[in-house]
Amino acid sequence: MDNLAYRDEMRYEYIHGVPVAMSPRPATNHTLVSFNIGRIFADFFKGKSCTAFPDGVDVHLDDDNWVIPDAMIVCNPNIIKQDGVYGAPDLVVEVLSPSTAKRDKSEKKDLYEKHGIKEYWIVDTANRSIEVYLLKDGQYKLDNVYSIYPDYLLKNMTDEEKSAIVMEFHPAEFPEMTVSLSDVFDGLI
């Protein structure tokens, strides 16, 4: 007997007018990190003019391109509609999955750049890292890569090297927000 509670419903994004199937069920670590980032954003923006969105909200960049980021921040209330966001968010986050990593690092990165999304994060749960890209003169430049170092690397570092490790950062678009790597990657299995 078919259990309706476990029936997978395919989700699609459209890139250059072509439907691209997304995984109907992300892996556990993907879901945890998306939730953690969404919570960090929601806590910070509570009562403020920008809106934090978790996974599941459609972003209509134009007639041929609509995507579903893992998290985003939108500061222009005029582009927020009942059925999604119509225009460029201020910050977009994609959490890598085996099935989406190439697309997130190439096609979607190019698409976000073309549509003027000011800040783009690519989060890698396997390496516990965040690549931050900033839009400068219409092109993304890698601003930084923030990583949690595994114990086997830490034990071979000097105290000076350990003190240089950055465990939290401030998004360029929202410098008053602090993002802790331990909060982003909390609970991973």
N, C-alpha and C. Protein backbone atom coordinates (compact mmCIF):
# COMPACT_ATOMS: atom_id res chain seq x y z
N MET A 1 0.84 -1.19 0.00
CA MET A 1 0.00 0.00 0.00
C MET A 1 0.88 1.25 0.00
N ASP A 2 0.51 2.20 -0.76
CA ASP A 2 1.27 3.44 -0.91
C ASP A 2 0.97 4.37 0.26
N ASN A 3 2.00 4.80 0.99
CA ASN A 3 1.82 5.70 2.13
C ASN A 3 1.96 7.13 1.63
N LEU A 4 0.87 7.88 1.65
CA LEU A 4 0.87 9.25 1.13
C LEU A 4 1.81 10.16 1.89
N ALA A 5 2.05 9.85 3.17
CA ALA A 5 2.94 10.69 3.97
C ALA A 5 4.37 10.63 3.46
N TYR A 6 4.72 9.58 2.73
CA TYR A 6 6.08 9.43 2.25
C TYR A 6 6.22 9.60 0.74
N ARG A 7 5.16 10.01 0.09
CA ARG A 7 5.22 10.23 -1.36
C ARG A 7 6.03 11.50 -1.63
N ASP A 8 7.03 11.37 -2.47
CA ASP A 8 7.87 12.52 -2.80
C ASP A 8 7.22 13.36 -3.87
N GLU A 9 7.20 14.65 -3.65
CA GLU A 9 6.71 15.58 -4.66
C GLU A 9 7.92 16.34 -5.18
N MET A 10 8.16 16.26 -6.46
CA MET A 10 9.32 16.94 -7.04
C MET A 10 9.11 18.45 -7.02
N ARG A 11 10.19 19.15 -6.71
CA ARG A 11 10.20 20.60 -6.78
C ARG A 11 11.08 20.98 -7.96
N TYR A 12 10.75 22.10 -8.60
CA TYR A 12 11.50 22.54 -9.76
C TYR A 12 11.90 24.00 -9.62
N GLU A 13 13.08 24.30 -10.14
CA GLU A 13 13.51 25.66 -10.38
C GLU A 13 13.55 25.82 -11.89
N TYR A 14 13.53 27.05 -12.37
CA TYR A 14 13.64 27.32 -13.80
C TYR A 14 14.85 28.21 -14.02
N ILE A 15 15.79 27.70 -14.80
CA ILE A 15 17.00 28.45 -15.11
C ILE A 15 17.08 28.58 -16.62
N HIS A 16 17.03 29.84 -17.09
CA HIS A 16 17.00 30.14 -18.53
C HIS A 16 15.83 29.43 -19.21
N GLY A 17 14.70 29.36 -18.51
CA GLY A 17 13.49 28.77 -19.06
C GLY A 17 13.43 27.26 -19.03
N VAL A 18 14.47 26.62 -18.52
CA VAL A 18 14.52 25.15 -18.49
C VAL A 18 14.20 24.67 -17.08
N PRO A 19 13.21 23.77 -16.93
CA PRO A 19 12.91 23.24 -15.60
C PRO A 19 14.04 22.34 -15.11
N VAL A 20 14.44 22.56 -13.85
CA VAL A 20 15.51 21.78 -13.23
C VAL A 20 14.93 21.16 -11.97
N ALA A 21 14.89 19.82 -11.93
CA ALA A 21 14.34 19.12 -10.77
C ALA A 21 15.27 19.29 -9.57
N MET A 22 14.65 19.53 -8.42
CA MET A 22 15.38 19.62 -7.17
C MET A 22 15.09 18.35 -6.38
N SER A 23 15.98 18.03 -5.47
CA SER A 23 15.74 16.89 -4.60
C SER A 23 14.52 17.18 -3.74
N PRO A 24 13.55 16.25 -3.68
CA PRO A 24 12.36 16.52 -2.88
C PRO A 24 12.64 16.50 -1.38
N ARG A 25 13.68 15.79 -0.97
CA ARG A 25 14.01 15.70 0.44
C ARG A 25 15.50 15.92 0.64
N PRO A 26 15.89 17.07 1.13
CA PRO A 26 17.32 17.30 1.37
C PRO A 26 17.82 16.38 2.49
N ALA A 27 19.13 16.16 2.51
CA ALA A 27 19.76 15.36 3.56
C ALA A 27 19.61 16.07 4.90
N THR A 28 19.79 15.31 5.96
CA THR A 28 19.60 15.83 7.32
C THR A 28 20.49 17.04 7.59
N ASN A 29 21.79 16.95 7.28
CA ASN A 29 22.69 18.07 7.55
C ASN A 29 22.32 19.31 6.74
N HIS A 30 21.88 19.11 5.52
CA HIS A 30 21.41 20.23 4.69
C HIS A 30 20.25 20.93 5.37
N THR A 31 19.29 20.16 5.85
CA THR A 31 18.12 20.72 6.51
C THR A 31 18.50 21.44 7.80
N LEU A 32 19.39 20.83 8.59
CA LEU A 32 19.82 21.46 9.85
C LEU A 32 20.49 22.81 9.60
N VAL A 33 21.40 22.87 8.63
CA VAL A 33 22.11 24.12 8.35
C VAL A 33 21.16 25.17 7.80
N SER A 34 20.27 24.77 6.90
CA SER A 34 19.28 25.73 6.37
C SER A 34 18.44 26.29 7.50
N PHE A 35 18.01 25.41 8.41
CA PHE A 35 17.21 25.85 9.55
C PHE A 35 18.02 26.80 10.44
N ASN A 36 19.27 26.42 10.75
CA ASN A 36 20.11 27.25 11.61
C ASN A 36 20.32 28.65 11.02
N ILE A 37 20.60 28.72 9.73
CA ILE A 37 20.80 30.02 9.09
C ILE A 37 19.49 30.81 9.10
N GLY A 38 18.40 30.14 8.77
CA GLY A 38 17.09 30.81 8.80
C GLY A 38 16.78 31.38 10.17
N ARG A 39 17.12 30.61 11.22
CA ARG A 39 16.89 31.07 12.60
C ARG A 39 17.77 32.27 12.93
N ILE A 40 19.03 32.22 12.54
CA ILE A 40 19.95 33.35 12.79
C ILE A 40 19.40 34.61 12.11
N PHE A 41 18.99 34.47 10.86
CA PHE A 41 18.43 35.60 10.12
C PHE A 41 17.13 36.10 10.76
N ALA A 42 16.23 35.19 11.08
CA ALA A 42 14.93 35.58 11.64
C ALA A 42 15.10 36.28 12.98
N ASP A 43 15.99 35.76 13.83
CA ASP A 43 16.23 36.40 15.13
C ASP A 43 16.77 37.81 14.95
N PHE A 44 17.72 37.98 14.03
CA PHE A 44 18.32 39.29 13.84
C PHE A 44 17.32 40.29 13.26
N PHE A 45 16.53 39.87 12.29
CA PHE A 45 15.65 40.81 11.59
C PHE A 45 14.27 40.98 12.23
N LYS A 46 14.03 40.32 13.35
CA LYS A 46 12.74 40.49 14.03
C LYS A 46 12.55 41.96 14.40
N GLY A 47 11.45 42.53 13.94
CA GLY A 47 11.15 43.93 14.23
C GLY A 47 11.89 44.93 13.36
N LYS A 48 12.64 44.45 12.38
CA LYS A 48 13.38 45.35 11.49
C LYS A 48 12.69 45.38 10.13
N SER A 49 13.16 46.24 9.25
CA SER A 49 12.47 46.44 7.97
C SER A 49 12.76 45.35 6.94
N CYS A 50 13.85 44.62 7.07
CA CYS A 50 14.15 43.53 6.14
C CYS A 50 13.44 42.26 6.60
N THR A 51 13.22 41.35 5.65
CA THR A 51 12.54 40.09 5.95
C THR A 51 13.46 38.93 5.63
N ALA A 52 13.56 38.00 6.58
CA ALA A 52 14.34 36.78 6.39
C ALA A 52 13.39 35.67 5.94
N PHE A 53 13.79 34.93 4.93
CA PHE A 53 12.99 33.81 4.43
C PHE A 53 13.79 32.52 4.51
N PRO A 54 13.14 31.45 4.96
CA PRO A 54 13.78 30.13 4.94
C PRO A 54 13.58 29.48 3.58
N ASP A 55 14.06 28.26 3.46
CA ASP A 55 13.86 27.45 2.25
C ASP A 55 12.37 27.33 1.94
N GLY A 56 12.05 27.29 0.66
CA GLY A 56 10.67 27.05 0.26
C GLY A 56 9.98 28.23 -0.39
N VAL A 57 10.62 29.39 -0.42
CA VAL A 57 10.00 30.58 -1.03
C VAL A 57 10.58 30.77 -2.43
N ASP A 58 9.70 30.85 -3.41
CA ASP A 58 10.13 31.06 -4.80
C ASP A 58 10.64 32.48 -4.99
N VAL A 59 11.73 32.60 -5.75
CA VAL A 59 12.27 33.90 -6.14
C VAL A 59 12.17 33.98 -7.66
N HIS A 60 11.34 34.89 -8.14
CA HIS A 60 11.14 35.11 -9.57
C HIS A 60 12.07 36.24 -10.01
N LEU A 61 13.20 35.87 -10.59
CA LEU A 61 14.17 36.88 -11.01
C LEU A 61 13.75 37.55 -12.31
N ASP A 62 13.14 36.78 -13.20
CA ASP A 62 12.54 37.29 -14.44
C ASP A 62 11.64 36.18 -14.97
N ASP A 63 11.09 36.35 -16.17
CA ASP A 63 10.14 35.37 -16.70
C ASP A 63 10.75 33.99 -16.91
N ASP A 64 12.04 33.90 -17.15
CA ASP A 64 12.68 32.62 -17.44
C ASP A 64 13.45 32.02 -16.27
N ASN A 65 13.57 32.75 -15.18
CA ASN A 65 14.41 32.31 -14.07
C ASN A 65 13.71 32.49 -12.74
N TRP A 66 13.36 31.36 -12.13
CA TRP A 66 12.91 31.42 -10.75
C TRP A 66 13.51 30.26 -10.00
N VAL A 67 13.94 30.56 -8.79
CA VAL A 67 14.72 29.64 -7.98
C VAL A 67 14.14 29.56 -6.58
N ILE A 68 14.61 28.58 -5.83
CA ILE A 68 14.17 28.42 -4.44
C ILE A 68 15.43 28.32 -3.57
N PRO A 69 15.96 29.46 -3.11
CA PRO A 69 17.17 29.43 -2.28
C PRO A 69 16.90 28.75 -0.93
N ASP A 70 17.99 28.37 -0.27
CA ASP A 70 17.86 27.74 1.05
C ASP A 70 17.60 28.76 2.14
N ALA A 71 17.97 30.00 1.92
CA ALA A 71 17.65 31.11 2.83
C ALA A 71 17.93 32.40 2.08
N MET A 72 17.28 33.47 2.51
CA MET A 72 17.53 34.77 1.87
C MET A 72 17.03 35.89 2.76
N ILE A 73 17.51 37.08 2.43
CA ILE A 73 17.07 38.30 3.10
C ILE A 73 16.61 39.27 2.02
N VAL A 74 15.43 39.85 2.25
CA VAL A 74 14.85 40.81 1.31
C VAL A 74 14.55 42.09 2.08
N CYS A 75 15.09 43.21 1.61
CA CYS A 75 14.86 44.49 2.28
C CYS A 75 13.88 45.38 1.53
N ASN A 76 13.52 45.03 0.32
CA ASN A 76 12.56 45.81 -0.45
C ASN A 76 11.18 45.15 -0.31
N PRO A 77 10.29 45.72 0.51
CA PRO A 77 8.99 45.08 0.72
C PRO A 77 8.13 45.04 -0.54
N ASN A 78 8.43 45.88 -1.52
CA ASN A 78 7.62 45.93 -2.74
C ASN A 78 7.79 44.70 -3.63
N ILE A 79 8.84 43.91 -3.42
CA ILE A 79 9.03 42.73 -4.27
C ILE A 79 8.50 41.46 -3.60
N ILE A 80 8.00 41.58 -2.38
CA ILE A 80 7.45 40.43 -1.67
C ILE A 80 5.96 40.32 -1.96
N LYS A 81 5.57 39.19 -2.54
CA LYS A 81 4.17 38.93 -2.88
C LYS A 81 3.73 37.64 -2.18
N GLN A 82 2.44 37.36 -2.24
CA GLN A 82 1.89 36.18 -1.59
C GLN A 82 2.52 34.88 -2.12
N ASP A 83 2.84 34.85 -3.41
CA ASP A 83 3.35 33.62 -4.00
C ASP A 83 4.86 33.64 -4.25
N GLY A 84 5.57 34.54 -3.60
CA GLY A 84 7.02 34.55 -3.71
C GLY A 84 7.61 35.94 -3.76
N VAL A 85 8.88 35.98 -4.06
CA VAL A 85 9.63 37.23 -4.17
C VAL A 85 9.86 37.50 -5.65
N TYR A 86 9.53 38.72 -6.10
CA TYR A 86 9.65 39.10 -7.51
C TYR A 86 10.72 40.16 -7.65
N GLY A 87 11.94 39.71 -7.81
CA GLY A 87 13.08 40.60 -7.91
C GLY A 87 14.23 40.03 -7.12
N ALA A 88 15.30 40.80 -7.03
CA ALA A 88 16.53 40.32 -6.40
C ALA A 88 16.52 40.52 -4.89
N PRO A 89 16.68 39.43 -4.12
CA PRO A 89 16.90 39.58 -2.68
C PRO A 89 18.24 40.29 -2.45
N ASP A 90 18.47 40.72 -1.23
CA ASP A 90 19.73 41.38 -0.89
C ASP A 90 20.84 40.38 -0.61
N LEU A 91 20.47 39.24 -0.04
CA LEU A 91 21.44 38.19 0.29
C LEU A 91 20.75 36.85 0.04
N VAL A 92 21.48 35.93 -0.60
CA VAL A 92 20.95 34.59 -0.88
C VAL A 92 21.94 33.56 -0.36
N VAL A 93 21.40 32.47 0.19
CA VAL A 93 22.20 31.36 0.69
C VAL A 93 21.79 30.08 -0.03
N GLU A 94 22.77 29.35 -0.51
CA GLU A 94 22.55 28.01 -1.04
C GLU A 94 23.42 27.04 -0.24
N VAL A 95 22.80 25.97 0.25
CA VAL A 95 23.51 24.91 0.97
C VAL A 95 23.74 23.79 -0.04
N LEU A 96 25.00 23.41 -0.21
CA LEU A 96 25.34 22.42 -1.22
C LEU A 96 24.76 21.05 -0.91
N SER A 97 24.30 20.39 -1.95
CA SER A 97 23.89 18.99 -1.93
C SER A 97 24.65 18.31 -3.06
N PRO A 98 24.86 17.00 -2.97
CA PRO A 98 25.55 16.33 -4.08
C PRO A 98 24.89 16.58 -5.43
N SER A 99 23.57 16.66 -5.44
CA SER A 99 22.86 16.83 -6.71
C SER A 99 22.81 18.28 -7.20
N THR A 100 23.13 19.25 -6.33
CA THR A 100 23.01 20.66 -6.72
C THR A 100 24.33 21.43 -6.67
N ALA A 101 25.39 20.84 -6.16
CA ALA A 101 26.64 21.59 -5.93
C ALA A 101 27.15 22.28 -7.18
N LYS A 102 27.21 21.55 -8.29
CA LYS A 102 27.73 22.15 -9.52
C LYS A 102 26.86 23.32 -9.97
N ARG A 103 25.56 23.15 -9.92
CA ARG A 103 24.63 24.21 -10.35
C ARG A 103 24.72 25.41 -9.41
N ASP A 104 24.81 25.17 -8.09
CA ASP A 104 24.90 26.27 -7.13
C ASP A 104 26.17 27.09 -7.33
N LYS A 105 27.26 26.42 -7.72
CA LYS A 105 28.55 27.10 -7.89
C LYS A 105 28.74 27.72 -9.27
N SER A 106 27.90 27.37 -10.21
CA SER A 106 28.08 27.90 -11.56
C SER A 106 26.82 28.61 -12.05
N GLU A 107 25.83 27.88 -12.54
CA GLU A 107 24.65 28.51 -13.14
C GLU A 107 23.93 29.46 -12.18
N LYS A 108 23.69 29.01 -10.96
CA LYS A 108 22.95 29.87 -10.04
C LYS A 108 23.80 31.06 -9.59
N LYS A 109 25.08 30.82 -9.38
CA LYS A 109 25.97 31.93 -9.03
C LYS A 109 25.96 32.98 -10.14
N ASP A 110 26.06 32.53 -11.39
CA ASP A 110 26.02 33.46 -12.53
C ASP A 110 24.67 34.18 -12.61
N LEU A 111 23.61 33.45 -12.35
CA LEU A 111 22.26 34.02 -12.38
C LEU A 111 22.09 35.09 -11.30
N TYR A 112 22.54 34.78 -10.09
CA TYR A 112 22.44 35.75 -8.98
C TYR A 112 23.29 36.99 -9.28
N GLU A 113 24.45 36.78 -9.84
CA GLU A 113 25.32 37.89 -10.22
C GLU A 113 24.63 38.78 -11.26
N LYS A 114 24.09 38.16 -12.30
CA LYS A 114 23.42 38.90 -13.39
C LYS A 114 22.25 39.73 -12.87
N HIS A 115 21.55 39.23 -11.87
CA HIS A 115 20.36 39.92 -11.37
C HIS A 115 20.65 40.84 -10.18
N GLY A 116 21.93 41.03 -9.87
CA GLY A 116 22.32 42.05 -8.91
C GLY A 116 22.13 41.69 -7.45
N ILE A 117 22.15 40.41 -7.11
CA ILE A 117 22.07 40.02 -5.70
C ILE A 117 23.41 40.36 -5.06
N LYS A 118 23.37 41.23 -4.06
CA LYS A 118 24.58 41.85 -3.54
C LYS A 118 25.52 40.89 -2.81
N GLU A 119 24.96 39.87 -2.16
CA GLU A 119 25.78 38.95 -1.38
C GLU A 119 25.25 37.54 -1.56
N TYR A 120 26.16 36.60 -1.81
CA TYR A 120 25.80 35.21 -2.06
C TYR A 120 26.69 34.30 -1.23
N TRP A 121 26.06 33.43 -0.45
CA TRP A 121 26.79 32.46 0.36
C TRP A 121 26.59 31.07 -0.22
N ILE A 122 27.68 30.33 -0.32
CA ILE A 122 27.63 28.91 -0.66
C ILE A 122 28.12 28.16 0.57
N VAL A 123 27.22 27.37 1.15
CA VAL A 123 27.51 26.67 2.40
C VAL A 123 27.76 25.20 2.11
N ASP A 124 28.88 24.70 2.60
CA ASP A 124 29.28 23.31 2.40
C ASP A 124 29.23 22.60 3.75
N THR A 125 28.23 21.73 3.94
CA THR A 125 28.09 21.05 5.23
C THR A 125 29.20 20.02 5.45
N ALA A 126 29.67 19.37 4.38
CA ALA A 126 30.71 18.35 4.52
C ALA A 126 32.02 18.96 5.04
N ASN A 127 32.37 20.13 4.53
CA ASN A 127 33.61 20.81 4.95
C ASN A 127 33.38 21.86 6.02
N ARG A 128 32.13 22.04 6.40
CA ARG A 128 31.74 23.04 7.41
C ARG A 128 32.36 24.40 7.07
N SER A 129 32.02 24.85 5.86
CA SER A 129 32.57 26.12 5.39
C SER A 129 31.50 26.95 4.69
N ILE A 130 31.76 28.26 4.65
CA ILE A 130 30.88 29.21 3.96
C ILE A 130 31.75 30.08 3.06
N GLU A 131 31.47 30.03 1.76
CA GLU A 131 32.10 30.94 0.80
C GLU A 131 31.20 32.15 0.67
N VAL A 132 31.75 33.33 0.85
CA VAL A 132 30.97 34.57 0.74
C VAL A 132 31.43 35.33 -0.50
N TYR A 133 30.48 35.57 -1.40
CA TYR A 133 30.73 36.34 -2.62
C TYR A 133 30.01 37.67 -2.51
N LEU A 134 30.72 38.74 -2.89
CA LEU A 134 30.14 40.08 -2.88
C LEU A 134 30.13 40.62 -4.31
N LEU A 135 29.05 41.30 -4.65
CA LEU A 135 28.90 41.89 -5.98
C LEU A 135 29.64 43.22 -6.02
N LYS A 136 30.65 43.30 -6.88
CA LYS A 136 31.43 44.52 -7.05
C LYS A 136 31.56 44.80 -8.53
N ASP A 137 31.10 45.97 -8.94
CA ASP A 137 31.13 46.35 -10.36
C ASP A 137 30.45 45.30 -11.24
N GLY A 138 29.33 44.77 -10.75
CA GLY A 138 28.53 43.83 -11.53
C GLY A 138 29.05 42.40 -11.58
N GLN A 139 30.12 42.11 -10.82
CA GLN A 139 30.67 40.75 -10.81
C GLN A 139 30.91 40.30 -9.38
N TYR A 140 30.72 38.99 -9.16
CA TYR A 140 31.00 38.43 -7.84
C TYR A 140 32.50 38.28 -7.65
N LYS A 141 32.93 38.70 -6.48
CA LYS A 141 34.31 38.50 -6.03
C LYS A 141 34.23 37.70 -4.74
N LEU A 142 35.09 36.68 -4.63
CA LEU A 142 35.15 35.91 -3.41
C LEU A 142 35.70 36.80 -2.31
N ASP A 143 34.87 37.07 -1.30
CA ASP A 143 35.27 37.93 -0.20
C ASP A 143 36.06 37.15 0.84
N ASN A 144 35.54 35.96 1.19
CA ASN A 144 36.21 35.15 2.20
C ASN A 144 35.61 33.76 2.21
N VAL A 145 36.36 32.83 2.81
CA VAL A 145 35.86 31.49 3.09
C VAL A 145 36.04 31.29 4.59
N TYR A 146 34.94 31.03 5.27
CA TYR A 146 34.94 30.81 6.71
C TYR A 146 34.76 29.33 6.96
N SER A 147 35.63 28.75 7.80
CA SER A 147 35.59 27.30 8.02
C SER A 147 35.77 26.96 9.49
N ILE A 148 35.12 25.87 9.88
CA ILE A 148 35.40 25.26 11.18
C ILE A 148 36.49 24.23 10.93
N TYR A 149 37.59 24.38 11.65
CA TYR A 149 38.72 23.48 11.46
C TYR A 149 38.51 22.20 12.26
N PRO A 150 38.79 21.04 11.65
CA PRO A 150 38.66 19.78 12.39
C PRO A 150 39.76 19.66 13.45
N ASP A 151 39.48 18.87 14.47
CA ASP A 151 40.42 18.70 15.58
C ASP A 151 41.81 18.25 15.14
N TYR A 152 41.89 17.37 14.14
CA TYR A 152 43.20 16.87 13.72
C TYR A 152 44.08 17.99 13.15
N LEU A 153 43.48 19.02 12.58
CA LEU A 153 44.26 20.17 12.11
C LEU A 153 44.60 21.12 13.26
N LEU A 154 43.64 21.32 14.14
CA LEU A 154 43.87 22.23 15.27
C LEU A 154 45.01 21.77 16.17
N LYS A 155 45.13 20.46 16.38
CA LYS A 155 46.15 19.97 17.32
C LYS A 155 47.57 20.20 16.80
N ASN A 156 47.72 20.40 15.50
CA ASN A 156 49.05 20.66 14.93
C ASN A 156 49.33 22.14 14.72
N MET A 157 48.41 23.00 15.12
CA MET A 157 48.60 24.44 14.94
C MET A 157 49.22 25.07 16.18
N THR A 158 49.96 26.14 15.94
CA THR A 158 50.49 26.91 17.06
C THR A 158 49.35 27.75 17.65
N ASP A 159 49.57 28.28 18.84
CA ASP A 159 48.56 29.15 19.45
C ASP A 159 48.32 30.38 18.58
N GLU A 160 49.38 30.88 17.95
CA GLU A 160 49.24 32.04 17.08
C GLU A 160 48.35 31.71 15.87
N GLU A 161 48.56 30.55 15.28
CA GLU A 161 47.73 30.12 14.14
C GLU A 161 46.27 29.94 14.56
N LYS A 162 46.07 29.35 15.73
CA LYS A 162 44.70 29.15 16.23
C LYS A 162 44.01 30.48 16.49
N SER A 163 44.76 31.45 16.99
CA SER A 163 44.15 32.75 17.30
C SER A 163 43.74 33.51 16.04
N ALA A 164 44.31 33.13 14.89
CA ALA A 164 43.97 33.80 13.63
C ALA A 164 42.71 33.22 12.97
N ILE A 165 42.20 32.12 13.51
CA ILE A 165 41.02 31.49 12.94
C ILE A 165 39.79 32.33 13.25
N VAL A 166 39.02 32.62 12.23
CA VAL A 166 37.81 33.43 12.38
C VAL A 166 36.63 32.49 12.59
N MET A 167 35.95 32.63 13.73
CA MET A 167 34.82 31.76 14.05
C MET A 167 33.48 32.46 13.92
N GLU A 168 33.52 33.75 13.62
CA GLU A 168 32.28 34.48 13.35
C GLU A 168 32.61 35.62 12.38
N PHE A 169 31.57 36.05 11.68
CA PHE A 169 31.77 37.13 10.71
C PHE A 169 30.52 37.98 10.63
N HIS A 170 30.66 39.11 9.94
CA HIS A 170 29.56 40.06 9.76
C HIS A 170 29.27 40.16 8.26
N PRO A 171 28.06 39.82 7.83
CA PRO A 171 27.74 39.97 6.41
C PRO A 171 27.98 41.40 5.94
N ALA A 172 28.55 41.55 4.76
CA ALA A 172 28.86 42.88 4.24
C ALA A 172 27.62 43.75 4.12
N GLU A 173 26.51 43.15 3.71
CA GLU A 173 25.26 43.90 3.55
C GLU A 173 24.61 44.26 4.89
N PHE A 174 24.97 43.53 5.94
CA PHE A 174 24.35 43.74 7.26
C PHE A 174 25.45 43.65 8.32
N PRO A 175 26.35 44.64 8.36
CA PRO A 175 27.52 44.56 9.22
C PRO A 175 27.21 44.51 10.72
N GLU A 176 26.00 44.89 11.10
CA GLU A 176 25.64 44.83 12.51
C GLU A 176 25.23 43.42 12.94
N MET A 177 25.06 42.50 12.00
CA MET A 177 24.71 41.11 12.30
C MET A 177 26.00 40.30 12.49
N THR A 178 26.01 39.45 13.51
CA THR A 178 27.12 38.54 13.73
C THR A 178 26.66 37.13 13.42
N VAL A 179 27.42 36.44 12.56
CA VAL A 179 27.11 35.06 12.21
C VAL A 179 28.22 34.18 12.79
N SER A 180 27.83 33.32 13.71
CA SER A 180 28.77 32.40 14.35
C SER A 180 28.78 31.08 13.59
N LEU A 181 29.97 30.62 13.21
CA LEU A 181 30.06 29.34 12.51
C LEU A 181 29.56 28.19 13.37
N SER A 182 29.80 28.27 14.67
CA SER A 182 29.30 27.19 15.54
C SER A 182 27.78 27.16 15.56
N ASP A 183 27.12 28.32 15.43
CA ASP A 183 25.65 28.34 15.34
C ASP A 183 25.17 27.81 14.00
N VAL A 184 25.86 28.17 12.92
CA VAL A 184 25.46 27.70 11.58
C VAL A 184 25.54 26.18 11.49
N PHE A 185 26.63 25.60 12.01
CA PHE A 185 26.86 24.17 11.86
C PHE A 185 26.47 23.37 13.11
N ASP A 186 25.71 23.97 13.99
CA ASP A 186 25.27 23.30 15.22
C ASP A 186 24.40 22.08 14.91
N GLY A 187 24.69 20.98 15.57
CA GLY A 187 23.85 19.79 15.47
C GLY A 187 24.13 18.87 14.31
N LEU A 188 25.15 19.17 13.49
CA LEU A 188 25.41 18.32 12.34
C LEU A 188 25.83 16.92 12.78
N ILE A 189 25.42 15.96 11.96
CA ILE A 189 25.78 14.57 12.27
C ILE A 189 26.82 14.07 11.28
